């Protein structure tokens, strides 16, 4: 797995305010939206394209357009929804599928409770959105889920990642014959005993949408 930490001062600036416990939900949502667009710029560097002939007001030329099949954006519910607008703003012609996954707070293992994805993802590039790569269980399961349906290129986009989560995914995907990339805003120090990223920013879902 290739890991890219998007080292940019604007990203660090927005992350600082996301981490601040005084940041309210409306501001948090806006910052996530802005941050994801910056991360999406890095994540889509290798998006598949094909030649496209056009005519400018001066002369014919050949440019590029997104290749088919269209890329698929997959937010992991519920917190991944907060990243969707920022992603499709940069990639508006992409299709969107949804995976409902959650972490068991006792075992820290991921379970799937909802799926709105095409049955056949053959030849598809997929962009998985999940704010926090903590233990790595949810993201690893999501990647296997997509590969089992035929996805052949996967990029995960996270706001933050923990070293333990990255290591877990690398172990889980070691035999996978599909390229997987991770683009993240920062790699933090560690996980605490409850599986939260330290220093982190708390529970992204709760900070986006409130306690439910």
Protein backbone atom coordinates (compact mmCIF):
# COMPACT_ATOMS: atom_id res chain seq x y z
CA UNK A 1 0.00 0.00 0.00
CA UNK A 2 1.29 3.43 -0.94
CA UNK A 3 0.76 6.05 1.78
CA UNK A 4 0.72 9.74 0.93
CA UNK A 5 0.59 12.32 3.72
CA UNK A 6 -0.58 15.57 2.14
CA UNK A 7 1.96 17.94 3.68
CA UNK A 8 0.52 21.38 2.99
CA UNK A 9 0.16 24.36 5.31
CA UNK A 10 -3.48 24.91 4.40
CA UNK A 11 -4.23 21.29 5.29
CA UNK A 12 -2.41 21.65 8.62
CA UNK A 13 -4.25 24.91 9.29
CA UNK A 14 -7.67 23.32 8.74
CA UNK A 15 -6.72 20.25 10.76
CA UNK A 16 -5.76 22.46 13.69
CA UNK A 17 -9.26 23.89 13.89
CA UNK A 18 -10.84 20.47 13.34
CA UNK A 19 -8.89 19.15 16.33
CA UNK A 20 -9.94 22.03 18.59
CA UNK A 21 -12.70 20.84 20.93
CA UNK A 22 -14.21 24.36 20.84
CA UNK A 23 -15.04 24.06 17.13
CA UNK A 24 -18.82 23.68 16.77
CA UNK A 25 -20.53 21.23 14.39
CA UNK A 26 -21.39 23.73 11.60
CA UNK A 27 -17.78 24.96 11.48
CA UNK A 28 -16.50 21.39 11.72
CA UNK A 29 -18.60 20.34 8.72
CA UNK A 30 -17.39 23.29 6.67
CA UNK A 31 -13.75 22.58 7.48
CA UNK A 32 -14.12 18.89 6.60
CA UNK A 33 -15.67 19.87 3.28
CA UNK A 34 -12.79 22.23 2.48
CA UNK A 35 -10.13 19.80 3.66
CA UNK A 36 -11.48 16.90 1.63
CA UNK A 37 -11.33 18.94 -1.58
CA UNK A 38 -7.63 19.56 -0.90
CA UNK A 39 -7.04 15.86 -0.18
CA UNK A 40 -9.07 14.85 -3.25
CA UNK A 41 -6.73 16.89 -5.43
CA UNK A 42 -3.86 14.68 -4.26
CA UNK A 43 -5.91 11.47 -4.36
CA UNK A 44 -7.00 11.88 -7.99
CA UNK A 45 -3.56 12.43 -9.51
CA UNK A 46 -3.79 9.00 -11.13
CA UNK A 47 -7.47 9.10 -12.08
CA UNK A 48 -7.92 7.31 -15.39
CA UNK A 49 -8.35 9.47 -18.48
CA UNK A 50 -8.61 9.04 -22.23
CA UNK A 51 -7.89 11.36 -25.19
CA UNK A 52 -10.61 13.79 -26.19
CA UNK A 53 -10.62 15.77 -29.44
CA UNK A 54 -11.94 19.32 -29.30
CA UNK A 55 -11.73 22.56 -31.20
CA UNK A 56 -10.68 25.75 -29.45
CA UNK A 57 -11.66 29.13 -30.94
CA UNK A 58 -8.26 29.01 -32.67
CA UNK A 59 -7.50 25.43 -33.72
CA UNK A 60 -8.26 21.73 -33.19
CA UNK A 61 -6.45 20.03 -30.33
CA UNK A 62 -6.56 16.91 -28.22
CA UNK A 63 -7.18 17.07 -24.49
CA UNK A 64 -8.30 14.45 -22.01
CA UNK A 65 -11.50 13.44 -20.25
CA UNK A 66 -12.28 10.98 -17.49
CA UNK A 67 -12.27 7.44 -18.83
CA UNK A 68 -15.13 4.96 -18.56
CA UNK A 69 -16.22 3.23 -16.46
CA UNK A 70 -16.59 6.28 -14.28
CA UNK A 71 -14.79 6.32 -10.94
CA UNK A 72 -16.87 5.36 -7.93
CA UNK A 73 -16.84 7.35 -4.69
CA UNK A 74 -17.74 5.29 -1.62
CA UNK A 75 -18.33 7.12 1.66
CA UNK A 76 -18.45 4.83 4.69
CA UNK A 77 -21.55 5.71 6.72
CA UNK A 78 -22.11 7.70 8.72
CA UNK A 79 -19.04 9.90 9.14
CA UNK A 80 -17.92 9.43 5.54
CA UNK A 81 -20.99 11.35 4.40
CA UNK A 82 -19.40 14.51 5.75
CA UNK A 83 -16.61 14.06 3.17
CA UNK A 84 -18.81 13.43 0.15
CA UNK A 85 -19.55 16.99 -0.99
CA UNK A 86 -15.90 17.97 -0.87
CA UNK A 87 -14.99 14.95 -3.00
CA UNK A 88 -17.66 15.26 -5.68
CA UNK A 89 -17.00 18.99 -5.98
CA UNK A 90 -13.67 18.03 -7.53
CA UNK A 91 -14.99 14.91 -9.29
CA UNK A 92 -18.60 15.80 -10.19
CA UNK A 93 -19.10 13.11 -12.85
CA UNK A 94 -18.16 10.25 -10.52
CA UNK A 95 -20.83 7.83 -9.38
CA UNK A 96 -21.50 7.35 -5.66
CA UNK A 97 -22.09 4.17 -3.69
CA UNK A 98 -22.53 3.73 0.05
CA UNK A 99 -21.25 1.29 2.65
CA UNK A 100 -22.66 1.24 6.16
CA UNK A 101 -19.97 0.01 8.54
CA UNK A 102 -19.41 0.49 12.22
CA UNK A 103 -16.89 -0.51 14.84
CA UNK A 104 -17.92 -2.69 17.77
CA UNK A 105 -16.75 -0.63 20.75
CA UNK A 106 -15.96 -3.76 22.78
CA UNK A 107 -14.09 -5.85 20.21
CA UNK A 108 -13.02 -2.90 17.97
CA UNK A 109 -13.96 -5.07 14.97
CA UNK A 110 -15.93 -3.70 12.02
CA UNK A 111 -19.35 -4.93 10.95
CA UNK A 112 -21.32 -4.11 7.78
CA UNK A 113 -24.95 -3.06 8.18
CA UNK A 114 -25.79 -1.43 4.82
CA UNK A 115 -24.70 -1.66 1.19
CA UNK A 116 -25.69 0.46 -1.80
CA UNK A 117 -23.06 -0.53 -4.34
CA UNK A 118 -23.19 -1.92 -7.87
CA UNK A 119 -22.90 -5.70 -7.89
CA UNK A 120 -20.18 -5.55 -10.55
CA UNK A 121 -17.25 -3.18 -10.07
CA UNK A 122 -15.04 -4.72 -12.74
CA UNK A 123 -12.49 -2.25 -13.99
CA UNK A 124 -13.60 0.50 -11.60
CA UNK A 125 -11.40 2.92 -9.74
CA UNK A 126 -12.86 3.45 -6.28
CA UNK A 127 -12.31 6.27 -3.79
CA UNK A 128 -13.22 5.32 -0.23
CA UNK A 129 -14.04 8.12 2.21
CA UNK A 130 -13.62 7.59 5.95
CA UNK A 131 -12.50 10.43 8.24
CA UNK A 132 -10.44 8.40 10.70
CA UNK A 133 -8.10 5.49 10.08
CA UNK A 134 -7.82 4.28 13.66
CA UNK A 135 -7.58 0.49 14.16
CA UNK A 136 -7.91 -0.07 10.40
CA UNK A 137 -10.56 -2.77 10.67
CA UNK A 138 -13.34 -0.84 8.96
CA UNK A 139 -11.22 0.37 6.07
CA UNK A 140 -9.61 -3.04 5.50
CA UNK A 141 -13.04 -4.68 5.37
CA UNK A 142 -14.34 -2.02 2.97
CA UNK A 143 -11.39 -2.52 0.62
CA UNK A 144 -11.87 -6.30 0.57
CA UNK A 145 -15.58 -5.75 -0.06
CA UNK A 146 -14.83 -3.62 -3.14
CA UNK A 147 -12.16 -5.98 -4.47
CA UNK A 148 -14.53 -8.95 -4.13
CA UNK A 149 -16.91 -7.08 -6.46
CA UNK A 150 -14.21 -6.47 -9.07
CA UNK A 151 -12.66 -3.08 -8.20
CA UNK A 152 -9.13 -2.99 -9.56
CA UNK A 153 -7.75 0.26 -8.12
CA UNK A 154 -8.63 1.71 -4.71
CA UNK A 155 -7.68 4.95 -3.01
CA UNK A 156 -8.72 5.63 0.58
CA UNK A 157 -8.98 9.22 1.75
CA UNK A 158 -8.87 9.99 5.48
CA UNK A 159 -8.49 13.17 7.49
CA UNK A 160 -6.22 11.46 10.02
CA UNK A 161 -4.50 8.11 10.41
CA UNK A 162 -2.84 6.23 13.26
CA UNK A 163 0.34 4.19 12.75
CA UNK A 164 -1.41 1.10 14.13
CA UNK A 165 -4.20 1.43 11.57
CA UNK A 166 -1.79 1.78 8.67
CA UNK A 167 0.15 -1.26 9.86
CA UNK A 168 -3.06 -3.29 10.21
CA UNK A 169 -4.20 -2.49 6.68
CA UNK A 170 -0.77 -3.33 5.26
CA UNK A 171 -0.97 -6.73 6.96
CA UNK A 172 -4.56 -7.36 5.88
CA UNK A 173 -3.87 -6.42 2.25
CA UNK A 174 -0.45 -8.02 1.92
CA UNK A 175 -1.68 -10.68 -0.51
CA UNK A 176 -4.02 -8.43 -2.48
CA UNK A 177 -3.26 -8.16 -6.19
CA UNK A 178 -4.98 -4.77 -6.50
CA UNK A 179 -3.18 -1.42 -6.03
CA UNK A 180 -4.30 0.39 -2.88
CA UNK A 181 -3.36 3.94 -1.96
CA UNK A 182 -3.96 5.93 1.20
CA UNK A 183 -4.12 9.73 1.15
CA UNK A 184 -4.36 11.35 4.57
CA UNK A 185 -4.02 14.78 6.11
CA UNK A 186 -1.72 13.60 8.91
CA UNK A 187 -0.41 10.52 10.70
CA UNK A 188 -0.85 11.01 14.46
CA UNK A 189 1.06 9.54 17.39
CA UNK A 190 -0.88 6.42 18.41
CA UNK A 191 -4.17 4.89 19.53
CA UNK A 192 -5.38 5.03 23.12
CA UNK A 193 -6.90 2.11 25.05
CA UNK A 194 -10.34 2.79 23.54
CA UNK A 195 -8.99 2.77 19.99
CA UNK A 196 -9.17 6.56 19.51
CA UNK A 197 -6.45 8.41 17.63
CA UNK A 198 -4.16 10.55 19.82
CA UNK A 199 -4.13 13.55 19.68
CA UNK A 200 -6.81 13.05 17.01
CA UNK A 201 -10.00 15.07 16.93
CA UNK A 202 -12.47 12.90 18.82
CA UNK A 203 -15.34 11.00 17.21
CA UNK A 204 -15.70 12.47 13.71
CA UNK A 205 -19.31 11.32 13.31
CA UNK A 206 -20.39 12.91 16.59
CA UNK A 207 -18.59 16.14 15.79
CA UNK A 208 -20.14 16.28 12.32
CA UNK A 209 -23.71 15.39 13.26
CA UNK A 210 -24.01 15.40 17.04
CA UNK A 211 -24.61 12.52 19.45
CA UNK A 212 -27.25 9.96 18.40
